[in-house]
Amino acid sequence: MKQQTVFIADLHLSDETPELNRLFFQALESWRGRVDALYILGDLFEVWLGDDDGSLIAAEAASALKAFSRSAPVYFICGNRDFLLGRHYADKAGMVLLPEVYPTELYGKPYLLSHGDEMCTDDVSYQRFRRFMRHPLLQKIMLWLPRKKRSEVAAKIRAASKQKKRQMGYNPISDVTEQGVQTALSRYPQVQAIIHGHTHRPDVHEHVFNGRTVKRYVLPDWYGAQGGYLEVSPEGAAIKPLKAV
């Protein structure tokens, strides 16, 4: 079997995205028994209000991921849409929860993994909001609220986010910055490549740190009946497309 590890992010699955959901299950089936590990780097779901989520896709995804995890480990880093996903659901889905920023070694090469939003340092208002929402006390309060109230809060946040995107359009302020990358590398100076999602701008970038080049792989987002993933192997890394069949 070829040695390979797969990375995905920004699927935004929901009960209202049947094509995306089907593509996800097809991808899992195609990778099962053929990869060393699967890493999900955030925003697997469009919204996550807590591990008591009663949506059909939450149950179906947990079942499919649990089955997949019997052949290869599944690792999960939370995103800005599903940062409330906790250990209860992770256990149900056979996933291992990782910290927001996680250094690891694959095939002898050190990588740094994250959702990526912490590196969008020019978006000051978002970073302020991110720190507020990720505070453990606030998360406890959020999860203490009835699901209906959590749903109302989430709807207001999504509406505000959509309004901001309409106003900003394709604006560099919402992208990863050089400052954000350099800050990450200064904390983890041994890494040779960064893998993240969040920006919905799949690409391969190069940065110079301590006189050497560090590649940054931005994962594809998923929409309609198509998406993509990053395949990492002993030979290197490559972004691959996905389409429903």
C-alpha atoms as a PDB file:
ATOM      1  CA  MET A   1       0.000   0.000   0.000  1.00  0.00           C
ATOM      2  CA  LYS A   2       1.276   3.470  -0.856  1.00  0.00           C
ATOM      3  CA  GLN A   3       2.182   5.536   2.198  1.00  0.00           C
ATOM      4  CA  GLN A   4      -0.074   8.583   2.298  1.00  0.00           C
ATOM      5  CA  THR A   5      -1.859  10.801   4.791  1.00  0.00           C
ATOM      6  CA  VAL A   6      -4.908  12.870   3.840  1.00  0.00           C
ATOM      7  CA  PHE A   7      -5.875  16.351   5.067  1.00  0.00           C
ATOM      8  CA  ILE A   8      -9.274  18.018   4.613  1.00  0.00           C
ATOM      9  CA  ALA A   9     -10.991  21.161   5.956  1.00  0.00           C
ATOM     10  CA  ASP A  10     -13.888  23.534   5.354  1.00  0.00           C
ATOM     11  CA  LEU A  11     -16.519  21.017   4.300  1.00  0.00           C
ATOM     12  CA  HIS A  12     -19.331  22.885   6.101  1.00  0.00           C
ATOM     13  CA  LEU A  13     -21.595  19.837   6.137  1.00  0.00           C
ATOM     14  CA  SER A  14     -25.232  20.239   7.162  1.00  0.00           C
ATOM     15  CA  ASP A  15     -28.607  18.609   6.628  1.00  0.00           C
ATOM     16  CA  GLU A  16     -29.115  21.172   3.834  1.00  0.00           C
ATOM     17  CA  THR A  17     -26.034  20.042   1.821  1.00  0.00           C
ATOM     18  CA  PRO A  18     -26.890  16.554   0.497  1.00  0.00           C
ATOM     19  CA  GLU A  19     -24.375  16.695  -2.375  1.00  0.00           C
ATOM     20  CA  LEU A  20     -21.522  17.672  -0.063  1.00  0.00           C
ATOM     21  CA  ASN A  21     -22.507  15.021   2.455  1.00  0.00           C
ATOM     22  CA  ARG A  22     -22.547  12.361  -0.241  1.00  0.00           C
ATOM     23  CA  LEU A  23     -19.122  13.476  -1.505  1.00  0.00           C
ATOM     24  CA  PHE A  24     -17.727  13.220   2.027  1.00  0.00           C
ATOM     25  CA  PHE A  25     -18.982   9.678   2.487  1.00  0.00           C
ATOM     26  CA  GLN A  26     -17.678   8.683  -0.958  1.00  0.00           C
ATOM     27  CA  ALA A  27     -14.262  10.126  -0.116  1.00  0.00           C
ATOM     28  CA  LEU A  28     -14.109   8.260   3.183  1.00  0.00           C
ATOM     29  CA  GLU A  29     -14.952   5.026   1.423  1.00  0.00           C
ATOM     30  CA  SER A  30     -12.298   5.608  -1.243  1.00  0.00           C
ATOM     31  CA  TRP A  31      -9.627   6.299   1.408  1.00  0.00           C
ATOM     32  CA  ARG A  32     -10.555   3.519   3.802  1.00  0.00           C
ATOM     33  CA  GLY A  33      -7.764   0.959   4.017  1.00  0.00           C
ATOM     34  CA  ARG A  34      -5.606   3.014   1.640  1.00  0.00           C
ATOM     35  CA  VAL A  35      -4.251   5.823   3.858  1.00  0.00           C
ATOM     36  CA  ASP A  36      -2.159   5.973   7.015  1.00  0.00           C
ATOM     37  CA  ALA A  37      -4.301   8.661   8.670  1.00  0.00           C
ATOM     38  CA  LEU A  38      -6.982  11.294   8.065  1.00  0.00           C
ATOM     39  CA  TYR A  39      -6.662  14.801   9.489  1.00  0.00           C
ATOM     40  CA  ILE A  40      -9.715  17.097   9.565  1.00  0.00           C
ATOM     41  CA  LEU A  41      -8.505  20.654  10.142  1.00  0.00           C
ATOM     42  CA  GLY A  42     -11.741  22.333  11.155  1.00  0.00           C
ATOM     43  CA  ASP A  43     -15.142  23.388   9.849  1.00  0.00           C
ATOM     44  CA  LEU A  44     -16.268  19.861   9.150  1.00  0.00           C
ATOM     45  CA  PHE A  45     -19.763  21.152   9.929  1.00  0.00           C
ATOM     46  CA  GLU A  46     -21.475  24.392   8.932  1.00  0.00           C
ATOM     47  CA  VAL A  47     -22.323  24.992  12.578  1.00  0.00           C
ATOM     48  CA  TRP A  48     -21.840  23.028  15.785  1.00  0.00           C
ATOM     49  CA  LEU A  49     -23.837  24.006  18.842  1.00  0.00           C
ATOM     50  CA  GLY A  50     -22.577  21.250  21.105  1.00  0.00           C
ATOM     51  CA  ASP A  51     -22.204  17.490  21.234  1.00  0.00           C
ATOM     52  CA  ASP A  52     -25.951  17.156  21.792  1.00  0.00           C
ATOM     53  CA  ASP A  53     -26.414  18.166  18.137  1.00  0.00           C
ATOM     54  CA  GLY A  54     -29.401  16.243  16.841  1.00  0.00           C
ATOM     55  CA  SER A  55     -28.885  16.710  13.106  1.00  0.00           C
ATOM     56  CA  LEU A  56     -28.975  13.773  10.732  1.00  0.00           C
ATOM     57  CA  ILE A  57     -25.566  14.635   9.276  1.00  0.00           C
ATOM     58  CA  ALA A  58     -23.977  14.641  12.750  1.00  0.00           C
ATOM     59  CA  ALA A  59     -25.167  11.071  13.325  1.00  0.00           C
ATOM     60  CA  GLU A  60     -24.268   9.864   9.825  1.00  0.00           C
ATOM     61  CA  ALA A  61     -20.820  11.477   9.898  1.00  0.00           C
ATOM     62  CA  ALA A  62     -20.076   9.948  13.302  1.00  0.00           C
ATOM     63  CA  SER A  63     -21.007   6.497  12.038  1.00  0.00           C
ATOM     64  CA  ALA A  64     -18.952   6.836   8.849  1.00  0.00           C
ATOM     65  CA  LEU A  65     -15.910   8.246  10.659  1.00  0.00           C
ATOM     66  CA  LYS A  66     -16.082   5.556  13.322  1.00  0.00           C
ATOM     67  CA  ALA A  67     -16.039   2.885  10.628  1.00  0.00           C
ATOM     68  CA  PHE A  68     -13.136   4.636   8.891  1.00  0.00           C
ATOM     69  CA  SER A  69     -11.164   4.891  12.151  1.00  0.00           C
ATOM     70  CA  ARG A  70     -10.996   1.094  12.354  1.00  0.00           C
ATOM     71  CA  SER A  71      -8.566   1.132   9.422  1.00  0.00           C
ATOM     72  CA  ALA A  72      -6.676   4.388  10.128  1.00  0.00           C
ATOM     73  CA  PRO A  73      -6.651   7.066  12.863  1.00  0.00           C
ATOM     74  CA  VAL A  74      -8.755  10.189  12.419  1.00  0.00           C
ATOM     75  CA  TYR A  75      -7.491  13.449  13.926  1.00  0.00           C
ATOM     76  CA  PHE A  76      -9.563  16.606  14.381  1.00  0.00           C
ATOM     77  CA  ILE A  77      -8.645  20.250  14.934  1.00  0.00           C
ATOM     78  CA  CYS A  78     -11.588  22.549  15.578  1.00  0.00           C
ATOM     79  CA  GLY A  79     -12.428  25.419  13.227  1.00  0.00           C
ATOM     80  CA  ASN A  80     -14.307  28.657  13.684  1.00  0.00           C
ATOM     81  CA  ARG A  81     -17.608  26.909  12.891  1.00  0.00           C
ATOM     82  CA  ASP A  82     -17.208  23.820  15.068  1.00  0.00           C
ATOM     83  CA  PHE A  83     -15.018  24.954  17.980  1.00  0.00           C
ATOM     84  CA  LEU A  84     -17.625  23.589  20.420  1.00  0.00           C
ATOM     85  CA  LEU A  85     -17.113  20.032  19.184  1.00  0.00           C
ATOM     86  CA  GLY A  86     -15.983  18.100  22.232  1.00  0.00           C
ATOM     87  CA  ARG A  87     -14.761  14.773  23.497  1.00  0.00           C
ATOM     88  CA  HIS A  88     -18.185  13.124  23.614  1.00  0.00           C
ATOM     89  CA  TYR A  89     -18.788  13.486  19.876  1.00  0.00           C
ATOM     90  CA  ALA A  90     -15.134  12.833  19.071  1.00  0.00           C
ATOM     91  CA  ASP A  91     -15.300   9.502  20.892  1.00  0.00           C
ATOM     92  CA  LYS A  92     -18.539   8.653  19.118  1.00  0.00           C
ATOM     93  CA  ALA A  93     -16.895   9.389  15.758  1.00  0.00           C
ATOM     94  CA  GLY A  94     -13.621   7.652  16.561  1.00  0.00           C
ATOM     95  CA  MET A  95     -11.687  10.925  16.279  1.00  0.00           C
ATOM     96  CA  VAL A  96      -8.681  12.100  18.285  1.00  0.00           C
ATOM     97  CA  LEU A  97      -8.982  15.765  19.287  1.00  0.00           C
ATOM     98  CA  LEU A  98      -5.836  17.823  18.729  1.00  0.00           C
ATOM     99  CA  PRO A  99      -4.877  21.297  20.008  1.00  0.00           C
ATOM    100  CA  GLU A 100      -5.676  24.347  17.852  1.00  0.00           C
ATOM    101  CA  VAL A 101      -2.070  24.419  16.623  1.00  0.00           C
ATOM    102  CA  TYR A 102      -0.301  21.092  16.412  1.00  0.00           C
ATOM    103  CA  PRO A 103       3.245  20.194  15.346  1.00  0.00           C
ATOM    104  CA  THR A 104       3.751  16.649  14.071  1.00  0.00           C
ATOM    105  CA  GLU A 105       6.129  14.590  11.973  1.00  0.00           C
ATOM    106  CA  LEU A 106       5.072  12.767   8.821  1.00  0.00           C
ATOM    107  CA  TYR A 107       7.452  10.499   6.937  1.00  0.00           C
ATOM    108  CA  GLY A 108      10.445  12.096   8.613  1.00  0.00           C
ATOM    109  CA  LYS A 109       9.414  15.720   7.939  1.00  0.00           C
ATOM    110  CA  PRO A 110       8.090  18.138  10.597  1.00  0.00           C
ATOM    111  CA  TYR A 111       4.749  19.837   9.799  1.00  0.00           C
ATOM    112  CA  LEU A 112       2.635  22.405  11.624  1.00  0.00           C
ATOM    113  CA  LEU A 113      -1.139  21.907  11.485  1.00  0.00           C
ATOM    114  CA  SER A 114      -3.972  24.303  12.318  1.00  0.00           C
ATOM    115  CA  HIS A 115      -7.321  25.530  11.079  1.00  0.00           C
ATOM    116  CA  GLY A 116      -5.527  28.710  10.055  1.00  0.00           C
ATOM    117  CA  ASP A 117      -7.713  31.518  11.359  1.00  0.00           C
ATOM    118  CA  GLU A 118      -5.226  32.458  14.075  1.00  0.00           C
ATOM    119  CA  MET A 119      -2.793  33.531  11.317  1.00  0.00           C
ATOM    120  CA  CYS A 120      -5.238  36.068   9.794  1.00  0.00           C
ATOM    121  CA  THR A 121      -3.740  38.782  11.960  1.00  0.00           C
ATOM    122  CA  ASP A 122      -4.838  41.808   9.872  1.00  0.00           C
ATOM    123  CA  ASP A 123      -8.485  41.077  10.674  1.00  0.00           C
ATOM    124  CA  VAL A 124      -8.313  42.658  14.112  1.00  0.00           C
ATOM    125  CA  SER A 125     -12.053  42.527  14.802  1.00  0.00           C
ATOM    126  CA  TYR A 126     -12.174  38.810  13.963  1.00  0.00           C
ATOM    127  CA  GLN A 127      -9.179  38.048  16.197  1.00  0.00           C
ATOM    128  CA  ARG A 128     -10.884  39.878  19.059  1.00  0.00           C
ATOM    129  CA  PHE A 129     -14.068  37.896  18.437  1.00  0.00           C
ATOM    130  CA  ARG A 130     -12.050  34.657  18.194  1.00  0.00           C
ATOM    131  CA  ARG A 131     -10.375  35.199  21.565  1.00  0.00           C
ATOM    132  CA  PHE A 132     -13.750  35.975  23.116  1.00  0.00           C
ATOM    133  CA  MET A 133     -15.495  32.907  21.694  1.00  0.00           C
ATOM    134  CA  ARG A 134     -12.634  30.524  22.498  1.00  0.00           C
ATOM    135  CA  HIS A 135     -12.511  31.509  26.174  1.00  0.00           C
ATOM    136  CA  PRO A 136     -13.223  28.336  28.223  1.00  0.00           C
ATOM    137  CA  LEU A 137     -15.651  30.123  30.547  1.00  0.00           C
ATOM    138  CA  LEU A 138     -17.710  31.488  27.659  1.00  0.00           C
ATOM    139  CA  GLN A 139     -17.801  28.062  26.035  1.00  0.00           C
ATOM    140  CA  LYS A 140     -19.109  26.561  29.259  1.00  0.00           C
ATOM    141  CA  ILE A 141     -21.822  29.211  29.394  1.00  0.00           C
ATOM    142  CA  MET A 142     -22.727  28.590  25.749  1.00  0.00           C
ATOM    143  CA  LEU A 143     -23.034  24.835  26.288  1.00  0.00           C
ATOM    144  CA  TRP A 144     -25.110  25.435  29.418  1.00  0.00           C
ATOM    145  CA  LEU A 145     -27.747  27.305  27.399  1.00  0.00           C
ATOM    146  CA  PRO A 146     -30.719  25.386  25.952  1.00  0.00           C
ATOM    147  CA  ARG A 147     -30.141  24.227  22.354  1.00  0.00           C
ATOM    148  CA  LYS A 148     -32.810  26.618  21.057  1.00  0.00           C
ATOM    149  CA  LYS A 149     -31.017  29.589  22.596  1.00  0.00           C
ATOM    150  CA  ARG A 150     -27.660  28.380  21.268  1.00  0.00           C
ATOM    151  CA  SER A 151     -29.227  28.121  17.824  1.00  0.00           C
ATOM    152  CA  GLU A 152     -30.461  31.715  18.015  1.00  0.00           C
ATOM    153  CA  VAL A 153     -27.018  32.957  19.044  1.00  0.00           C
ATOM    154  CA  ALA A 154     -25.354  30.989  16.232  1.00  0.00           C
ATOM    155  CA  ALA A 155     -27.834  32.356  13.672  1.00  0.00           C
ATOM    156  CA  LYS A 156     -27.015  35.933  14.694  1.00  0.00           C
ATOM    157  CA  ILE A 157     -23.275  35.256  14.456  1.00  0.00           C
ATOM    158  CA  ARG A 158     -23.617  33.692  10.984  1.00  0.00           C
ATOM    159  CA  ALA A 159     -25.776  36.579   9.782  1.00  0.00           C
ATOM    160  CA  ALA A 160     -23.188  39.082  10.987  1.00  0.00           C
ATOM    161  CA  SER A 161     -20.423  37.058   9.306  1.00  0.00           C
ATOM    162  CA  LYS A 162     -22.276  36.972   5.978  1.00  0.00           C
ATOM    163  CA  GLN A 163     -22.910  40.706   6.165  1.00  0.00           C
ATOM    164  CA  LYS A 164     -19.217  41.328   6.775  1.00  0.00           C
ATOM    165  CA  LYS A 165     -18.242  39.137   3.799  1.00  0.00           C
ATOM    166  CA  ARG A 166     -20.665  40.986   1.523  1.00  0.00           C
ATOM    167  CA  GLN A 167     -19.176  44.302   2.583  1.00  0.00           C
ATOM    168  CA  MET A 168     -15.555  43.184   2.307  1.00  0.00           C
ATOM    169  CA  GLY A 169     -15.744  40.891  -0.733  1.00  0.00           C
ATOM    170  CA  TYR A 170     -12.392  39.356  -1.643  1.00  0.00           C
ATOM    171  CA  ASN A 171     -10.316  41.313   0.824  1.00  0.00           C
ATOM    172  CA  PRO A 172      -6.726  40.483   1.813  1.00  0.00           C
ATOM    173  CA  ILE A 173      -7.578  41.423   5.396  1.00  0.00           C
ATOM    174  CA  SER A 174      -9.321  38.061   5.814  1.00  0.00           C
ATOM    175  CA  ASP A 175      -6.317  36.082   4.558  1.00  0.00           C
ATOM    176  CA  VAL A 176      -3.324  34.649   6.383  1.00  0.00           C
ATOM    177  CA  THR A 177      -0.586  37.265   6.807  1.00  0.00           C
ATOM    178  CA  GLU A 178       3.177  37.067   6.705  1.00  0.00           C
ATOM    179  CA  GLN A 179       3.194  38.247  10.300  1.00  0.00           C
ATOM    180  CA  GLY A 180       0.869  35.400  11.269  1.00  0.00           C
ATOM    181  CA  VAL A 181       3.082  32.847   9.535  1.00  0.00           C
ATOM    182  CA  GLN A 182       6.301  34.217  11.037  1.00  0.00           C
ATOM    183  CA  THR A 183       4.751  34.202  14.518  1.00  0.00           C
ATOM    184  CA  ALA A 184       3.760  30.551  14.106  1.00  0.00           C
ATOM    185  CA  LEU A 185       7.214  29.622  12.829  1.00  0.00           C
ATOM    186  CA  SER A 186       8.934  31.441  15.682  1.00  0.00           C
ATOM    187  CA  ARG A 187       6.988  29.240  18.096  1.00  0.00           C
ATOM    188  CA  TYR A 188       7.729  26.077  16.146  1.00  0.00           C
ATOM    189  CA  PRO A 189      11.054  26.806  14.403  1.00  0.00           C
ATOM    190  CA  GLN A 190      11.702  23.191  13.468  1.00  0.00           C
ATOM    191  CA  VAL A 191       8.762  22.813  11.054  1.00  0.00           C
ATOM    192  CA  GLN A 192       9.410  22.601   7.323  1.00  0.00           C
ATOM    193  CA  ALA A 193       5.803  23.045   6.142  1.00  0.00           C
ATOM    194  CA  ILE A 194       2.464  24.410   7.385  1.00  0.00           C
ATOM    195  CA  ILE A 195      -0.940  22.903   6.535  1.00  0.00           C
ATOM    196  CA  HIS A 196      -4.183  24.778   7.219  1.00  0.00           C
ATOM    197  CA  GLY A 197      -7.622  25.663   5.869  1.00  0.00           C
ATOM    198  CA  HIS A 198     -10.081  28.440   6.781  1.00  0.00           C
ATOM    199  CA  THR A 199      -9.361  30.971   4.023  1.00  0.00           C
ATOM    200  CA  HIS A 200     -11.077  29.048   1.181  1.00  0.00           C
ATOM    201  CA  ARG A 201      -8.126  30.023  -1.036  1.00  0.00           C
ATOM    202  CA  PRO A 202      -6.362  26.738  -1.838  1.00  0.00           C
ATOM    203  CA  ASP A 203      -2.769  27.260  -2.894  1.00  0.00           C
ATOM    204  CA  VAL A 204       0.861  26.536  -2.061  1.00  0.00           C
ATOM    205  CA  HIS A 205       2.874  29.467  -0.674  1.00  0.00           C
ATOM    206  CA  GLU A 206       6.534  29.806   0.203  1.00  0.00           C
ATOM    207  CA  HIS A 207       7.931  31.740   3.168  1.00  0.00           C
ATOM    208  CA  VAL A 208      11.498  32.369   4.298  1.00  0.00           C
ATOM    209  CA  PHE A 209      12.279  31.689   7.947  1.00  0.00           C
ATOM    210  CA  ASN A 210      15.783  31.605   9.436  1.00  0.00           C
ATOM    211  CA  GLY A 211      17.253  31.558   5.955  1.00  0.00           C
ATOM    212  CA  ARG A 212      15.295  28.557   4.697  1.00  0.00           C
ATOM    213  CA  THR A 213      12.101  28.111   2.690  1.00  0.00           C
ATOM    214  CA  VAL A 214       8.962  26.859   4.428  1.00  0.00           C
ATOM    215  CA  LYS A 215       5.987  25.810   2.297  1.00  0.00           C
ATOM    216  CA  ARG A 216       2.424  26.600   3.366  1.00  0.00           C
ATOM    217  CA  TYR A 217      -0.355  24.421   1.985  1.00  0.00           C
ATOM    218  CA  VAL A 218      -3.861  25.908   2.043  1.00  0.00           C
ATOM    219  CA  LEU A 219      -6.526  23.201   1.898  1.00  0.00           C
ATOM    220  CA  PRO A 220      -9.385  23.369  -0.633  1.00  0.00           C
ATOM    221  CA  ASP A 221     -12.866  24.224   0.577  1.00  0.00           C
ATOM    222  CA  TRP A 222     -15.831  22.031  -0.398  1.00  0.00           C
ATOM    223  CA  TYR A 223     -18.959  23.271  -2.168  1.00  0.00           C
ATOM    224  CA  GLY A 224     -21.722  21.782  -4.283  1.00  0.00           C
ATOM    225  CA  ALA A 225     -20.541  18.362  -5.410  1.00  0.00           C
ATOM    226  CA  GLN A 226     -16.817  19.053  -5.379  1.00  0.00           C
ATOM    227  CA  GLY A 227     -13.964  19.637  -2.978  1.00  0.00           C
ATOM    228  CA  GLY A 228     -10.375  18.644  -2.488  1.00  0.00           C
ATOM    229  CA  TYR A 229      -7.710  17.415  -0.136  1.00  0.00           C
ATOM    230  CA  LEU A 230      -3.985  17.432   0.500  1.00  0.00           C
ATOM    231  CA  GLU A 231      -2.117  14.172   0.110  1.00  0.00           C
ATOM    232  CA  VAL A 232       1.158  13.927   2.034  1.00  0.00           C
ATOM    233  CA  SER A 233       3.557  11.075   1.319  1.00  0.00           C
ATOM    234  CA  PRO A 234       7.291  10.377   1.697  1.00  0.00           C
ATOM    235  CA  GLU A 235       7.714  12.038  -1.717  1.00  0.00           C
ATOM    236  CA  GLY A 236       6.081  15.299  -0.643  1.00  0.00           C
ATOM    237  CA  ALA A 237       2.647  16.909  -0.679  1.00  0.00           C
ATOM    238  CA  ALA A 238       0.092  17.661  -3.382  1.00  0.00           C
ATOM    239  CA  ILE A 239      -3.392  19.187  -3.498  1.00  0.00           C
ATOM    240  CA  LYS A 240      -5.905  16.855  -5.183  1.00  0.00           C
ATOM    241  CA  PRO A 241      -9.439  17.599  -6.428  1.00  0.00           C
ATOM    242  CA  LEU A 242     -12.574  15.667  -5.479  1.00  0.00           C
ATOM    243  CA  LYS A 243     -15.838  15.313  -7.392  1.00  0.00           C
ATOM    244  CA  ALA A 244     -18.949  13.323  -6.663  1.00  0.00           C
ATOM    245  CA  VAL A 245     -19.479  10.184  -8.734  1.00  0.00           C
END
